[in-house]
Amino acid sequence: MPLYLVVDIQAKEITCFSDPSPQGYRAHKRVSFGTLLPVPAPFSSEFDTTAFQPAG
C-alpha cells in the first residue's frame, strides 16, 4: 500500500497519508514532533519523530 509522509517544519508536525483512491488519500494521521506516528500495514509500526525536534 502506498504511504505518503509530509513533514511540516513550521507547524512541527508529521502527517502520514494512506489508503489512496482516485479521489485522494482516504486516511491520515497527524502528530506533533516528539510523538510516535502510527504507520499502517504493510509496515504496521510506529515512526519515532523525536529526531525532528529542534536541538536545545
PDB file of N, CA and C in Angstrom:
ATOM      1  N   MET A   1       0.844  -1.170   0.000  1.00  0.00           N
ATOM      2  CA  MET A   1       0.000   0.000   0.000  1.00  0.00           C
ATOM      3  C   MET A   1       0.894   1.241   0.000  1.00  0.00           C
ATOM      4  N   PRO A   2       0.637   2.180  -0.886  1.00  0.00           N
ATOM      5  CA  PRO A   2       1.409   3.415  -0.885  1.00  0.00           C
ATOM      6  C   PRO A   2       1.112   4.270   0.351  1.00  0.00           C
ATOM      7  N   LEU A   3       2.172   4.813   0.907  1.00  0.00           N
ATOM      8  CA  LEU A   3       2.069   5.753   2.021  1.00  0.00           C
ATOM      9  C   LEU A   3       2.758   7.038   1.612  1.00  0.00           C
ATOM     10  N   TYR A   4       2.297   8.148   2.154  1.00  0.00           N
ATOM     11  CA  TYR A   4       2.869   9.447   1.837  1.00  0.00           C
ATOM     12  C   TYR A   4       3.085  10.174   3.148  1.00  0.00           C
ATOM     13  N   LEU A   5       4.342  10.520   3.454  1.00  0.00           N
ATOM     14  CA  LEU A   5       4.660  11.237   4.683  1.00  0.00           C
ATOM     15  C   LEU A   5       4.956  12.692   4.350  1.00  0.00           C
ATOM     16  N   VAL A   6       4.348  13.596   5.099  1.00  0.00           N
ATOM     17  CA  VAL A   6       4.577  15.028   4.928  1.00  0.00           C
ATOM     18  C   VAL A   6       5.147  15.565   6.235  1.00  0.00           C
ATOM     19  N   VAL A   7       6.327  16.164   6.144  1.00  0.00           N
ATOM     20  CA  VAL A   7       6.976  16.771   7.307  1.00  0.00           C
ATOM     21  C   VAL A   7       6.780  18.282   7.194  1.00  0.00           C
ATOM     22  N   ASP A   8       6.086  18.852   8.153  1.00  0.00           N
ATOM     23  CA  ASP A   8       5.826  20.293   8.179  1.00  0.00           C
ATOM     24  C   ASP A   8       6.693  20.899   9.280  1.00  0.00           C
ATOM     25  N   ILE A   9       7.822  21.473   8.856  1.00  0.00           N
ATOM     26  CA  ILE A   9       8.782  22.026   9.811  1.00  0.00           C
ATOM     27  C   ILE A   9       8.186  23.209  10.570  1.00  0.00           C
ATOM     28  N   GLN A  10       7.444  24.060   9.888  1.00  0.00           N
ATOM     29  CA  GLN A  10       6.871  25.239  10.550  1.00  0.00           C
ATOM     30  C   GLN A  10       5.846  24.868  11.610  1.00  0.00           C
ATOM     31  N   ALA A  11       4.971  23.923  11.295  1.00  0.00           N
ATOM     32  CA  ALA A  11       3.943  23.501  12.252  1.00  0.00           C
ATOM     33  C   ALA A  11       4.472  22.471  13.249  1.00  0.00           C
ATOM     34  N   LYS A  12       5.688  21.944  13.001  1.00  0.00           N
ATOM     35  CA  LYS A  12       6.302  20.916  13.855  1.00  0.00           C
ATOM     36  C   LYS A  12       5.411  19.681  13.938  1.00  0.00           C
ATOM     37  N   GLU A  13       4.957  19.234  12.750  1.00  0.00           N
ATOM     38  CA  GLU A  13       4.062  18.072  12.648  1.00  0.00           C
ATOM     39  C   GLU A  13       4.499  17.169  11.494  1.00  0.00           C
ATOM     40  N   ILE A  14       4.135  15.907  11.610  1.00  0.00           N
ATOM     41  CA  ILE A  14       4.314  14.943  10.527  1.00  0.00           C
ATOM     42  C   ILE A  14       2.965  14.281  10.286  1.00  0.00           C
ATOM     43  N   THR A  15       2.595  14.172   9.002  1.00  0.00           N
ATOM     44  CA  THR A  15       1.334  13.539   8.630  1.00  0.00           C
ATOM     45  C   THR A  15       1.626  12.337   7.747  1.00  0.00           C
ATOM     46  N   CYS A  16       0.975  11.218   8.044  1.00  0.00           N
ATOM     47  CA  CYS A  16       1.066  10.013   7.224  1.00  0.00           C
ATOM     48  C   CYS A  16      -0.275   9.822   6.519  1.00  0.00           C
ATOM     49  N   PHE A  17      -0.250   9.894   5.196  1.00  0.00           N
ATOM     50  CA  PHE A  17      -1.445   9.653   4.392  1.00  0.00           C
ATOM     51  C   PHE A  17      -1.400   8.208   3.895  1.00  0.00           C
ATOM     52  N   SER A  18      -2.545   7.523   3.941  1.00  0.00           N
ATOM     53  CA  SER A  18      -2.617   6.129   3.493  1.00  0.00           C
ATOM     54  C   SER A  18      -3.975   5.862   2.851  1.00  0.00           C
ATOM     55  N   ASP A  19      -4.110   4.659   2.309  1.00  0.00           N
ATOM     56  CA  ASP A  19      -5.348   4.215   1.660  1.00  0.00           C
ATOM     57  C   ASP A  19      -5.724   5.127   0.488  1.00  0.00           C
ATOM     58  N   PRO A  20      -4.859   5.177  -0.544  1.00  0.00           N
ATOM     59  CA  PRO A  20      -5.135   6.047  -1.686  1.00  0.00           C
ATOM     60  C   PRO A  20      -6.334   5.583  -2.505  1.00  0.00           C
ATOM     61  N   SER A  21      -6.997   6.549  -3.124  1.00  0.00           N
ATOM     62  CA  SER A  21      -8.114   6.283  -4.028  1.00  0.00           C
ATOM     63  C   SER A  21      -8.007   7.283  -5.174  1.00  0.00           C
ATOM     64  N   PRO A  22      -8.784   7.135  -6.213  1.00  0.00           N
ATOM     65  CA  PRO A  22      -8.760   8.118  -7.303  1.00  0.00           C
ATOM     66  C   PRO A  22      -9.121   9.534  -6.837  1.00  0.00           C
ATOM     67  N   GLN A  23      -9.832   9.656  -5.730  1.00  0.00           N
ATOM     68  CA  GLN A  23     -10.231  10.968  -5.209  1.00  0.00           C
ATOM     69  C   GLN A  23      -9.227  11.528  -4.195  1.00  0.00           C
ATOM     70  N   GLY A  24      -8.197  10.769  -3.855  1.00  0.00           N
ATOM     71  CA  GLY A  24      -7.204  11.206  -2.875  1.00  0.00           C
ATOM     72  C   GLY A  24      -7.038  10.171  -1.779  1.00  0.00           C
ATOM     73  N   TYR A  25      -6.222  10.493  -0.809  1.00  0.00           N
ATOM     74  CA  TYR A  25      -5.996   9.572   0.305  1.00  0.00           C
ATOM     75  C   TYR A  25      -7.198   9.586   1.246  1.00  0.00           C
ATOM     76  N   ARG A  26      -7.649   8.375   1.629  1.00  0.00           N
ATOM     77  CA  ARG A  26      -8.841   8.259   2.476  1.00  0.00           C
ATOM     78  C   ARG A  26      -8.530   8.315   3.964  1.00  0.00           C
ATOM     79  N   ALA A  27      -7.273   8.106   4.326  1.00  0.00           N
ATOM     80  CA  ALA A  27      -6.917   8.097   5.747  1.00  0.00           C
ATOM     81  C   ALA A  27      -5.656   8.922   5.966  1.00  0.00           C
ATOM     82  N   HIS A  28      -5.598   9.549   7.120  1.00  0.00           N
ATOM     83  CA  HIS A  28      -4.380  10.250   7.507  1.00  0.00           C
ATOM     84  C   HIS A  28      -4.283  10.326   9.025  1.00  0.00           C
ATOM     85  N   LYS A  29      -3.044  10.427   9.479  1.00  0.00           N
ATOM     86  CA  LYS A  29      -2.765  10.577  10.905  1.00  0.00           C
ATOM     87  C   LYS A  29      -1.692  11.635  11.041  1.00  0.00           C
ATOM     88  N   ARG A  30      -1.940  12.644  11.873  1.00  0.00           N
ATOM     89  CA  ARG A  30      -1.000  13.747  12.080  1.00  0.00           C
ATOM     90  C   ARG A  30      -0.567  13.755  13.539  1.00  0.00           C
ATOM     91  N   VAL A  31       0.743  13.907  13.759  1.00  0.00           N
ATOM     92  CA  VAL A  31       1.269  14.010  15.118  1.00  0.00           C
ATOM     93  C   VAL A  31       2.282  15.143  15.195  1.00  0.00           C
ATOM     94  N   SER A  32       2.475  15.653  16.386  1.00  0.00           N
ATOM     95  CA  SER A  32       3.498  16.662  16.639  1.00  0.00           C
ATOM     96  C   SER A  32       4.855  15.987  16.757  1.00  0.00           C
ATOM     97  N   PHE A  33       5.915  16.740  16.450  1.00  0.00           N
ATOM     98  CA  PHE A  33       7.269  16.225  16.635  1.00  0.00           C
ATOM     99  C   PHE A  33       7.417  15.737  18.069  1.00  0.00           C
ATOM    100  N   GLY A  34       8.115  14.633  18.244  1.00  0.00           N
ATOM    101  CA  GLY A  34       8.317  14.061  19.567  1.00  0.00           C
ATOM    102  C   GLY A  34       7.305  12.989  19.916  1.00  0.00           C
ATOM    103  N   THR A  35       6.346  12.755  19.029  1.00  0.00           N
ATOM    104  CA  THR A  35       5.286  11.770  19.248  1.00  0.00           C
ATOM    105  C   THR A  35       5.490  10.593  18.296  1.00  0.00           C
ATOM    106  N   LEU A  36       5.109   9.403  18.720  1.00  0.00           N
ATOM    107  CA  LEU A  36       5.170   8.250  17.819  1.00  0.00           C
ATOM    108  C   LEU A  36       4.058   8.349  16.781  1.00  0.00           C
ATOM    109  N   LEU A  37       4.415   8.171  15.520  1.00  0.00           N
ATOM    110  CA  LEU A  37       3.450   8.220  14.420  1.00  0.00           C
ATOM    111  C   LEU A  37       3.101   6.797  14.004  1.00  0.00           C
ATOM    112  N   PRO A  38       1.847   6.370  14.190  1.00  0.00           N
ATOM    113  CA  PRO A  38       1.456   5.027  13.743  1.00  0.00           C
ATOM    114  C   PRO A  38       1.517   4.939  12.215  1.00  0.00           C
ATOM    115  N   VAL A  39       2.159   3.895  11.723  1.00  0.00           N
ATOM    116  CA  VAL A  39       2.249   3.648  10.281  1.00  0.00           C
ATOM    117  C   VAL A  39       1.474   2.366   9.996  1.00  0.00           C
ATOM    118  N   PRO A  40       0.461   2.434   9.110  1.00  0.00           N
ATOM    119  CA  PRO A  40      -0.399   1.270   8.879  1.00  0.00           C
ATOM    120  C   PRO A  40       0.297   0.150   8.098  1.00  0.00           C
ATOM    121  N   ALA A  41      -0.419  -0.963   7.930  1.00  0.00           N
ATOM    122  CA  ALA A  41       0.064  -2.105   7.155  1.00  0.00           C
ATOM    123  C   ALA A  41       0.424  -1.630   5.755  1.00  0.00           C
ATOM    124  N   PRO A  42       1.388  -2.187   5.133  1.00  0.00           N
ATOM    125  CA  PRO A  42       2.080  -3.428   5.496  1.00  0.00           C
ATOM    126  C   PRO A  42       3.200  -3.234   6.504  1.00  0.00           C
ATOM    127  N   PHE A  43       3.484  -2.003   6.929  1.00  0.00           N
ATOM    128  CA  PHE A  43       4.570  -1.767   7.871  1.00  0.00           C
ATOM    129  C   PHE A  43       4.138  -2.031   9.309  1.00  0.00           C
ATOM    130  N   SER A  44       2.933  -1.627   9.653  1.00  0.00           N
ATOM    131  CA  SER A  44       2.371  -1.860  10.986  1.00  0.00           C
ATOM    132  C   SER A  44       3.394  -1.585  12.085  1.00  0.00           C
ATOM    133  N   SER A  45       3.836  -0.343  12.132  1.00  0.00           N
ATOM    134  CA  SER A  45       4.833   0.028  13.120  1.00  0.00           C
ATOM    135  C   SER A  45       4.593   1.471  13.556  1.00  0.00           C
ATOM    136  N   GLU A  46       5.500   1.971  14.366  1.00  0.00           N
ATOM    137  CA  GLU A  46       5.422   3.359  14.805  1.00  0.00           C
ATOM    138  C   GLU A  46       6.721   4.051  14.419  1.00  0.00           C
ATOM    139  N   PHE A  47       6.612   5.257  13.907  1.00  0.00           N
ATOM    140  CA  PHE A  47       7.749   6.056  13.474  1.00  0.00           C
ATOM    141  C   PHE A  47       8.060   7.070  14.569  1.00  0.00           C
ATOM    142  N   ASP A  48       9.286   7.018  15.085  1.00  0.00           N
ATOM    143  CA  ASP A  48       9.695   7.915  16.164  1.00  0.00           C
ATOM    144  C   ASP A  48      10.064   9.271  15.566  1.00  0.00           C
ATOM    145  N   THR A  49       9.328  10.307  15.933  1.00  0.00           N
ATOM    146  CA  THR A  49       9.522  11.633  15.354  1.00  0.00           C
ATOM    147  C   THR A  49      10.389  12.552  16.218  1.00  0.00           C
ATOM    148  N   THR A  50      10.996  12.027  17.273  1.00  0.00           N
ATOM    149  CA  THR A  50      11.795  12.881  18.151  1.00  0.00           C
ATOM    150  C   THR A  50      12.994  13.481  17.441  1.00  0.00           C
ATOM    151  N   ALA A  51      13.519  12.832  16.422  1.00  0.00           N
ATOM    152  CA  ALA A  51      14.668  13.375  15.699  1.00  0.00           C
ATOM    153  C   ALA A  51      14.342  14.673  14.971  1.00  0.00           C
ATOM    154  N   PHE A  52      13.086  14.966  14.764  1.00  0.00           N
ATOM    155  CA  PHE A  52      12.675  16.182  14.076  1.00  0.00           C
ATOM    156  C   PHE A  52      12.563  17.377  15.020  1.00  0.00           C
ATOM    157  N   GLN A  53      12.639  17.129  16.318  1.00  0.00           N
ATOM    158  CA  GLN A  53      12.550  18.232  17.270  1.00  0.00           C
ATOM    159  C   GLN A  53      13.840  19.055  17.202  1.00  0.00           C
ATOM    160  N   PRO A  54      13.721  20.364  17.333  1.00  0.00           N
ATOM    161  CA  PRO A  54      14.934  21.197  17.307  1.00  0.00           C
ATOM    162  C   PRO A  54      15.836  20.901  18.496  1.00  0.00           C
ATOM    163  N   ALA A  55      17.131  20.972  18.270  1.00  0.00           N
ATOM    164  CA  ALA A  55      18.097  20.751  19.341  1.00  0.00           C
ATOM    165  C   ALA A  55      18.032  21.892  20.343  1.00  0.00           C
ATOM    166  N   GLY A  56      18.309  21.564  21.575  1.00  0.00           N
ATOM    167  CA  GLY A  56      18.380  22.628  22.572  1.00  0.00           C
ATOM    168  C   GLY A  56      17.411  22.460  23.603  1.00  0.00           C
TER     169      GLY A  56
END
